[in-house]
Amino acid sequence: GRADSVLGTASAAPAPAFTRDPLQQDPVDGAGLEAWVSQMFPNVPQAVVDSEAGLLAAGEVRTLSSPVLETGTYILALACRSQRRVTFTVRTETLTLVDLGLRCGVSREQVIYLSTDSALSVRLEAGSGANFAFRVRRL
């Protein structure tokens, strides 16, 4: 029976196929940062109007500003590389457009509409060392 075949075996269970390398989530800089950004944000036909990427220290909060963007519809892409989540808060002077704790390792795109010419404020917060990237494209 089935119980007989299990008794007396001491082999380890095989690792599941979906195991990921946790080092792939460690922050990088220099050429590693550029390679990661191109992997997360492949080339697209729409015009990129703002783009930023960098490294955050554990516990760091940083706020970046875009140039003034014309009224219209845009695609906002966000990504991070860390063992933990990174919080992205994207605002105009009057409205919060995105407030998101992003799970790192995936990119997120969101369509946003600006009803007036506006600069975007992008606030980033990392609990542990992290790379961040965001890109704004005209739709």
N, C-alpha and C. Protein backbone atom coordinates (compact mmCIF):
# COMPACT_ATOMS: atom_id res chain seq x y z
N GLY A 1 0.81 -1.18 0.00
CA GLY A 1 0.00 0.00 0.00
C GLY A 1 0.86 1.25 0.00
N ARG A 2 0.19 2.37 0.01
CA ARG A 2 0.83 3.67 -0.05
C ARG A 2 1.68 3.94 1.19
N ALA A 3 1.20 3.56 2.37
CA ALA A 3 1.95 3.80 3.60
C ALA A 3 3.28 3.05 3.58
N ASP A 4 3.30 1.85 3.01
CA ASP A 4 4.53 1.07 2.95
C ASP A 4 5.60 1.77 2.13
N SER A 5 5.21 2.42 1.05
CA SER A 5 6.20 3.07 0.18
C SER A 5 6.77 4.34 0.83
N VAL A 6 6.06 4.94 1.77
CA VAL A 6 6.54 6.16 2.42
C VAL A 6 7.48 5.82 3.57
N LEU A 7 7.21 4.74 4.27
CA LEU A 7 8.04 4.37 5.41
C LEU A 7 9.46 4.06 4.97
N GLY A 8 10.42 4.51 5.76
CA GLY A 8 11.80 4.17 5.50
C GLY A 8 12.48 5.05 4.46
N THR A 9 11.79 6.03 3.92
CA THR A 9 12.44 6.92 2.94
C THR A 9 12.88 8.19 3.64
N ALA A 10 14.09 8.63 3.33
CA ALA A 10 14.62 9.83 3.97
C ALA A 10 15.02 10.89 2.95
N SER A 11 14.57 10.74 1.72
CA SER A 11 14.97 11.72 0.69
C SER A 11 14.19 13.02 0.88
N ALA A 12 14.85 14.11 0.55
CA ALA A 12 14.20 15.42 0.67
C ALA A 12 13.21 15.61 -0.47
N ALA A 13 12.16 16.33 -0.19
CA ALA A 13 11.19 16.64 -1.25
C ALA A 13 11.85 17.57 -2.26
N PRO A 14 11.56 17.39 -3.52
CA PRO A 14 12.16 18.29 -4.53
C PRO A 14 11.65 19.72 -4.33
N ALA A 15 12.51 20.68 -4.67
CA ALA A 15 12.10 22.08 -4.55
C ALA A 15 11.00 22.36 -5.55
N PRO A 16 9.99 23.15 -5.16
CA PRO A 16 8.92 23.46 -6.11
C PRO A 16 9.48 24.27 -7.29
N ALA A 17 8.88 24.11 -8.44
CA ALA A 17 9.38 24.75 -9.66
C ALA A 17 9.29 26.28 -9.60
N PHE A 18 8.40 26.80 -8.75
CA PHE A 18 8.20 28.25 -8.73
C PHE A 18 9.12 28.97 -7.74
N THR A 19 10.07 28.30 -7.14
CA THR A 19 10.99 28.95 -6.21
C THR A 19 11.75 30.06 -6.93
N ARG A 20 11.81 31.23 -6.30
CA ARG A 20 12.56 32.33 -6.93
C ARG A 20 13.79 32.63 -6.10
N ASP A 21 14.78 33.19 -6.73
CA ASP A 21 16.02 33.55 -6.07
C ASP A 21 15.82 34.87 -5.34
N PRO A 22 15.87 34.87 -3.99
CA PRO A 22 15.64 36.13 -3.27
C PRO A 22 16.67 37.21 -3.61
N LEU A 23 17.86 36.81 -4.07
CA LEU A 23 18.87 37.82 -4.43
C LEU A 23 18.44 38.64 -5.65
N GLN A 24 17.51 38.10 -6.44
CA GLN A 24 17.02 38.86 -7.59
C GLN A 24 16.22 40.08 -7.15
N GLN A 25 15.88 40.15 -5.88
CA GLN A 25 15.13 41.30 -5.38
C GLN A 25 16.03 42.29 -4.64
N ASP A 26 17.32 41.97 -4.48
CA ASP A 26 18.22 42.90 -3.81
C ASP A 26 18.47 44.11 -4.71
N PRO A 27 18.53 45.31 -4.12
CA PRO A 27 18.75 46.52 -4.92
C PRO A 27 20.10 46.49 -5.64
N VAL A 28 20.15 47.16 -6.78
CA VAL A 28 21.37 47.25 -7.59
C VAL A 28 21.63 48.71 -7.92
N ASP A 29 22.84 49.01 -8.43
CA ASP A 29 23.10 50.37 -8.88
C ASP A 29 23.90 50.33 -10.17
N GLY A 30 24.20 51.49 -10.72
CA GLY A 30 24.99 51.57 -11.94
C GLY A 30 24.35 50.84 -13.10
N ALA A 31 25.16 50.02 -13.78
CA ALA A 31 24.68 49.28 -14.96
C ALA A 31 23.56 48.31 -14.58
N GLY A 32 23.63 47.76 -13.36
CA GLY A 32 22.58 46.84 -12.90
C GLY A 32 21.24 47.54 -12.82
N LEU A 33 21.25 48.80 -12.37
CA LEU A 33 20.01 49.58 -12.27
C LEU A 33 19.45 49.84 -13.67
N GLU A 34 20.30 50.24 -14.60
CA GLU A 34 19.85 50.50 -15.98
C GLU A 34 19.26 49.24 -16.61
N ALA A 35 19.91 48.10 -16.40
CA ALA A 35 19.42 46.83 -16.96
C ALA A 35 18.07 46.47 -16.35
N TRP A 36 17.92 46.66 -15.04
CA TRP A 36 16.66 46.34 -14.37
C TRP A 36 15.54 47.23 -14.89
N VAL A 37 15.80 48.54 -15.05
CA VAL A 37 14.77 49.46 -15.54
C VAL A 37 14.34 49.05 -16.95
N SER A 38 15.31 48.71 -17.84
CA SER A 38 14.91 48.32 -19.20
C SER A 38 14.12 47.02 -19.21
N GLN A 39 14.39 46.15 -18.25
CA GLN A 39 13.63 44.90 -18.15
C GLN A 39 12.20 45.18 -17.67
N MET A 40 12.05 46.07 -16.69
CA MET A 40 10.73 46.37 -16.13
C MET A 40 9.89 47.23 -17.07
N PHE A 41 10.55 48.14 -17.79
CA PHE A 41 9.84 49.07 -18.68
C PHE A 41 10.37 48.94 -20.10
N PRO A 42 9.90 47.96 -20.86
CA PRO A 42 10.38 47.82 -22.23
C PRO A 42 10.00 49.03 -23.08
N ASN A 43 10.65 49.17 -24.23
CA ASN A 43 10.35 50.29 -25.12
C ASN A 43 8.89 50.27 -25.54
N VAL A 44 8.30 51.45 -25.65
CA VAL A 44 6.89 51.58 -26.00
C VAL A 44 6.75 52.68 -27.05
N PRO A 45 5.64 52.65 -27.82
CA PRO A 45 5.48 53.66 -28.86
C PRO A 45 5.12 55.06 -28.32
N GLN A 46 4.48 55.14 -27.16
CA GLN A 46 4.05 56.44 -26.65
C GLN A 46 5.26 57.25 -26.17
N ALA A 47 5.11 58.57 -26.26
CA ALA A 47 6.19 59.47 -25.81
C ALA A 47 6.31 59.42 -24.30
N VAL A 48 7.54 59.22 -23.81
CA VAL A 48 7.80 59.25 -22.37
C VAL A 48 8.02 60.71 -21.99
N VAL A 49 7.19 61.22 -21.05
CA VAL A 49 7.30 62.63 -20.67
C VAL A 49 8.06 62.81 -19.36
N ASP A 50 8.19 61.75 -18.57
CA ASP A 50 8.99 61.82 -17.36
C ASP A 50 9.37 60.40 -16.98
N SER A 51 10.57 60.26 -16.45
CA SER A 51 11.06 58.94 -16.08
C SER A 51 12.15 59.13 -15.04
N GLU A 52 12.14 58.30 -14.02
CA GLU A 52 13.12 58.43 -12.95
C GLU A 52 13.34 57.05 -12.35
N ALA A 53 14.56 56.79 -11.90
CA ALA A 53 14.88 55.53 -11.23
C ALA A 53 16.03 55.80 -10.28
N GLY A 54 16.12 54.99 -9.23
CA GLY A 54 17.21 55.19 -8.30
C GLY A 54 17.20 54.18 -7.17
N LEU A 55 17.93 54.51 -6.13
CA LEU A 55 18.14 53.64 -4.99
C LEU A 55 17.67 54.35 -3.73
N LEU A 56 16.89 53.66 -2.91
CA LEU A 56 16.43 54.18 -1.62
C LEU A 56 17.09 53.36 -0.51
N ALA A 57 17.54 54.04 0.53
CA ALA A 57 18.07 53.35 1.71
C ALA A 57 16.91 52.86 2.57
N ALA A 58 17.17 51.91 3.46
CA ALA A 58 16.13 51.41 4.36
C ALA A 58 15.57 52.58 5.17
N GLY A 59 14.25 52.70 5.20
CA GLY A 59 13.60 53.76 5.97
C GLY A 59 13.58 55.11 5.28
N GLU A 60 14.17 55.21 4.08
CA GLU A 60 14.23 56.51 3.40
C GLU A 60 12.88 56.88 2.79
N VAL A 61 12.58 58.19 2.86
CA VAL A 61 11.41 58.75 2.19
C VAL A 61 11.95 59.81 1.24
N ARG A 62 11.56 59.75 -0.03
CA ARG A 62 12.03 60.72 -1.02
C ARG A 62 10.84 61.21 -1.83
N THR A 63 10.84 62.50 -2.14
CA THR A 63 9.79 63.06 -2.99
C THR A 63 10.42 63.67 -4.23
N LEU A 64 9.91 63.28 -5.39
CA LEU A 64 10.40 63.78 -6.67
C LEU A 64 9.26 64.52 -7.37
N SER A 65 9.61 65.45 -8.24
CA SER A 65 8.59 66.20 -8.98
C SER A 65 8.81 66.06 -10.47
N SER A 66 7.71 65.94 -11.19
CA SER A 66 7.79 65.89 -12.66
C SER A 66 7.76 67.32 -13.19
N PRO A 67 8.11 67.49 -14.46
CA PRO A 67 7.84 68.79 -15.08
C PRO A 67 6.32 68.98 -15.16
N VAL A 68 5.88 70.18 -15.47
CA VAL A 68 4.44 70.41 -15.62
C VAL A 68 3.97 69.66 -16.88
N LEU A 69 2.94 68.83 -16.69
CA LEU A 69 2.39 68.03 -17.78
C LEU A 69 1.10 68.69 -18.26
N GLU A 70 0.88 68.65 -19.57
CA GLU A 70 -0.33 69.25 -20.13
C GLU A 70 -1.56 68.44 -19.74
N THR A 71 -2.72 69.10 -19.74
CA THR A 71 -3.98 68.41 -19.52
C THR A 71 -4.08 67.23 -20.47
N GLY A 72 -4.52 66.08 -19.95
CA GLY A 72 -4.66 64.92 -20.83
C GLY A 72 -4.54 63.62 -20.08
N THR A 73 -4.47 62.53 -20.84
CA THR A 73 -4.43 61.18 -20.30
C THR A 73 -3.01 60.62 -20.43
N TYR A 74 -2.56 59.98 -19.37
CA TYR A 74 -1.20 59.45 -19.30
C TYR A 74 -1.23 58.04 -18.75
N ILE A 75 -0.16 57.30 -19.01
CA ILE A 75 0.04 55.99 -18.38
C ILE A 75 1.20 56.14 -17.41
N LEU A 76 0.93 55.84 -16.15
CA LEU A 76 1.95 55.89 -15.10
C LEU A 76 2.39 54.46 -14.82
N ALA A 77 3.67 54.19 -14.97
CA ALA A 77 4.22 52.85 -14.69
C ALA A 77 5.11 52.94 -13.46
N LEU A 78 4.94 52.00 -12.54
CA LEU A 78 5.71 51.98 -11.28
C LEU A 78 6.35 50.61 -11.13
N ALA A 79 7.55 50.58 -10.56
CA ALA A 79 8.21 49.30 -10.29
C ALA A 79 9.18 49.48 -9.13
N CYS A 80 9.47 48.38 -8.44
CA CYS A 80 10.48 48.42 -7.37
C CYS A 80 11.21 47.10 -7.33
N ARG A 81 12.36 47.13 -6.70
CA ARG A 81 13.20 45.94 -6.53
C ARG A 81 13.69 45.96 -5.09
N SER A 82 13.16 45.06 -4.27
CA SER A 82 13.49 45.02 -2.85
C SER A 82 12.94 43.73 -2.27
N GLN A 83 13.38 43.40 -1.06
CA GLN A 83 12.81 42.25 -0.36
C GLN A 83 11.43 42.58 0.20
N ARG A 84 11.11 43.88 0.30
CA ARG A 84 9.84 44.32 0.87
C ARG A 84 9.12 45.23 -0.12
N ARG A 85 7.94 45.67 0.26
CA ARG A 85 7.17 46.59 -0.59
C ARG A 85 7.76 47.99 -0.54
N VAL A 86 7.46 48.76 -1.58
CA VAL A 86 7.79 50.18 -1.62
C VAL A 86 6.47 50.93 -1.79
N THR A 87 6.28 51.99 -1.02
CA THR A 87 5.06 52.78 -1.11
C THR A 87 5.28 53.93 -2.09
N PHE A 88 4.38 54.02 -3.06
CA PHE A 88 4.37 55.10 -4.05
C PHE A 88 3.12 55.94 -3.81
N THR A 89 3.28 57.25 -3.62
CA THR A 89 2.14 58.16 -3.55
C THR A 89 2.34 59.21 -4.62
N VAL A 90 1.42 59.26 -5.58
CA VAL A 90 1.53 60.19 -6.70
C VAL A 90 0.37 61.17 -6.60
N ARG A 91 0.73 62.47 -6.59
CA ARG A 91 -0.27 63.53 -6.39
C ARG A 91 -0.07 64.67 -7.39
N THR A 92 -1.16 65.39 -7.62
CA THR A 92 -1.06 66.72 -8.21
C THR A 92 -1.15 67.67 -7.01
N GLU A 93 -1.25 68.97 -7.25
CA GLU A 93 -1.37 69.90 -6.12
C GLU A 93 -2.64 69.65 -5.32
N THR A 94 -3.69 69.13 -5.98
CA THR A 94 -4.99 69.03 -5.33
C THR A 94 -5.52 67.61 -5.15
N LEU A 95 -4.90 66.62 -5.79
CA LEU A 95 -5.52 65.30 -5.83
C LEU A 95 -4.48 64.19 -5.71
N THR A 96 -4.79 63.16 -4.90
CA THR A 96 -3.94 61.96 -4.85
C THR A 96 -4.41 61.02 -5.95
N LEU A 97 -3.52 60.71 -6.89
CA LEU A 97 -3.85 59.84 -8.02
C LEU A 97 -3.56 58.38 -7.72
N VAL A 98 -2.47 58.12 -6.99
CA VAL A 98 -2.07 56.75 -6.65
C VAL A 98 -1.50 56.76 -5.24
N ASP A 99 -1.94 55.81 -4.42
CA ASP A 99 -1.35 55.60 -3.09
C ASP A 99 -1.27 54.09 -2.94
N LEU A 100 -0.07 53.54 -3.14
CA LEU A 100 0.06 52.11 -3.34
C LEU A 100 1.30 51.56 -2.67
N GLY A 101 1.15 50.48 -1.91
CA GLY A 101 2.29 49.70 -1.42
C GLY A 101 2.55 48.61 -2.44
N LEU A 102 3.55 48.81 -3.30
CA LEU A 102 3.77 47.90 -4.42
C LEU A 102 4.65 46.73 -4.01
N ARG A 103 4.18 45.52 -4.33
CA ARG A 103 4.98 44.31 -4.13
C ARG A 103 6.08 44.33 -5.19
N CYS A 104 7.30 44.25 -4.76
CA CYS A 104 8.42 44.37 -5.70
C CYS A 104 8.55 43.13 -6.57
N GLY A 105 9.14 43.34 -7.75
CA GLY A 105 9.32 42.25 -8.69
C GLY A 105 8.33 42.29 -9.84
N VAL A 106 7.31 43.13 -9.71
CA VAL A 106 6.33 43.31 -10.79
C VAL A 106 6.23 44.80 -11.08
N SER A 107 5.80 45.14 -12.28
CA SER A 107 5.54 46.55 -12.55
C SER A 107 4.04 46.75 -12.60
N ARG A 108 3.63 47.95 -12.32
CA ARG A 108 2.20 48.27 -12.30
C ARG A 108 1.98 49.47 -13.19
N GLU A 109 0.99 49.42 -14.05
CA GLU A 109 0.64 50.55 -14.90
C GLU A 109 -0.76 51.01 -14.55
N GLN A 110 -0.94 52.31 -14.57
CA GLN A 110 -2.24 52.89 -14.27
C GLN A 110 -2.47 54.08 -15.18
N VAL A 111 -3.67 54.16 -15.73
CA VAL A 111 -4.03 55.31 -16.56
C VAL A 111 -4.48 56.43 -15.62
N ILE A 112 -3.93 57.62 -15.84
CA ILE A 112 -4.32 58.78 -15.03
C ILE A 112 -4.75 59.90 -15.97
N TYR A 113 -5.67 60.73 -15.51
CA TYR A 113 -6.13 61.86 -16.31
C TYR A 113 -5.86 63.14 -15.53
N LEU A 114 -5.23 64.09 -16.19
CA LEU A 114 -4.98 65.40 -15.58
C LEU A 114 -5.96 66.39 -16.19
N SER A 115 -6.82 66.96 -15.35
CA SER A 115 -7.86 67.87 -15.86
C SER A 115 -7.31 69.28 -16.06
N THR A 116 -6.14 69.56 -15.51
CA THR A 116 -5.46 70.84 -15.74
C THR A 116 -3.97 70.56 -15.89
N ASP A 117 -3.24 71.51 -16.45
CA ASP A 117 -1.78 71.35 -16.52
C ASP A 117 -1.27 71.18 -15.09
N SER A 118 -0.50 70.14 -14.83
CA SER A 118 -0.08 69.83 -13.46
C SER A 118 1.30 69.19 -13.44
N ALA A 119 2.03 69.46 -12.37
CA ALA A 119 3.25 68.71 -12.08
C ALA A 119 2.84 67.57 -11.14
N LEU A 120 3.47 66.43 -11.29
CA LEU A 120 3.21 65.31 -10.38
C LEU A 120 4.26 65.30 -9.28
N SER A 121 3.81 65.03 -8.08
CA SER A 121 4.71 64.82 -6.95
C SER A 121 4.69 63.32 -6.68
N VAL A 122 5.87 62.70 -6.67
CA VAL A 122 5.97 61.25 -6.45
C VAL A 122 6.72 61.04 -5.15
N ARG A 123 6.01 60.53 -4.13
CA ARG A 123 6.62 60.27 -2.82
C ARG A 123 6.90 58.77 -2.74
N LEU A 124 8.13 58.44 -2.37
CA LEU A 124 8.58 57.05 -2.30
C LEU A 124 8.99 56.74 -0.87
N GLU A 125 8.62 55.57 -0.39
CA GLU A 125 9.00 55.17 0.96
C GLU A 125 9.36 53.69 0.96
N ALA A 126 10.55 53.39 1.50
CA ALA A 126 11.03 52.00 1.50
C ALA A 126 11.36 51.56 2.92
N GLY A 127 10.86 50.38 3.32
CA GLY A 127 11.18 49.84 4.64
C GLY A 127 12.55 49.19 4.68
N SER A 128 13.02 48.74 3.52
CA SER A 128 14.37 48.18 3.41
C SER A 128 14.98 48.73 2.13
N GLY A 129 16.27 48.53 1.92
CA GLY A 129 16.92 49.04 0.72
C GLY A 129 16.13 48.65 -0.52
N ALA A 130 15.99 49.58 -1.46
CA ALA A 130 15.14 49.31 -2.62
C ALA A 130 15.55 50.14 -3.82
N ASN A 131 15.30 49.57 -4.99
CA ASN A 131 15.33 50.36 -6.22
C ASN A 131 13.90 50.76 -6.51
N PHE A 132 13.74 51.91 -7.15
CA PHE A 132 12.43 52.35 -7.60
C PHE A 132 12.56 52.82 -9.03
N ALA A 133 11.46 52.79 -9.74
CA ALA A 133 11.41 53.35 -11.08
C ALA A 133 9.98 53.77 -11.36
N PHE A 134 9.84 54.90 -12.02
CA PHE A 134 8.53 55.27 -12.53
C PHE A 134 8.70 55.93 -13.89
N ARG A 135 7.65 55.82 -14.68
CA ARG A 135 7.68 56.39 -16.02
C ARG A 135 6.29 56.89 -16.34
N VAL A 136 6.21 58.07 -16.93
CA VAL A 136 4.94 58.66 -17.34
C VAL A 136 4.97 58.80 -18.85
N ARG A 137 3.94 58.23 -19.51
CA ARG A 137 3.84 58.31 -20.97
C ARG A 137 2.52 58.98 -21.34
N ARG A 138 2.55 59.76 -22.41
CA ARG A 138 1.34 60.37 -22.95
C ARG A 138 0.54 59.28 -23.66
N LEU A 139 -0.76 59.21 -23.39
CA LEU A 139 -1.58 58.19 -24.03
C LEU A 139 -2.20 58.74 -25.30
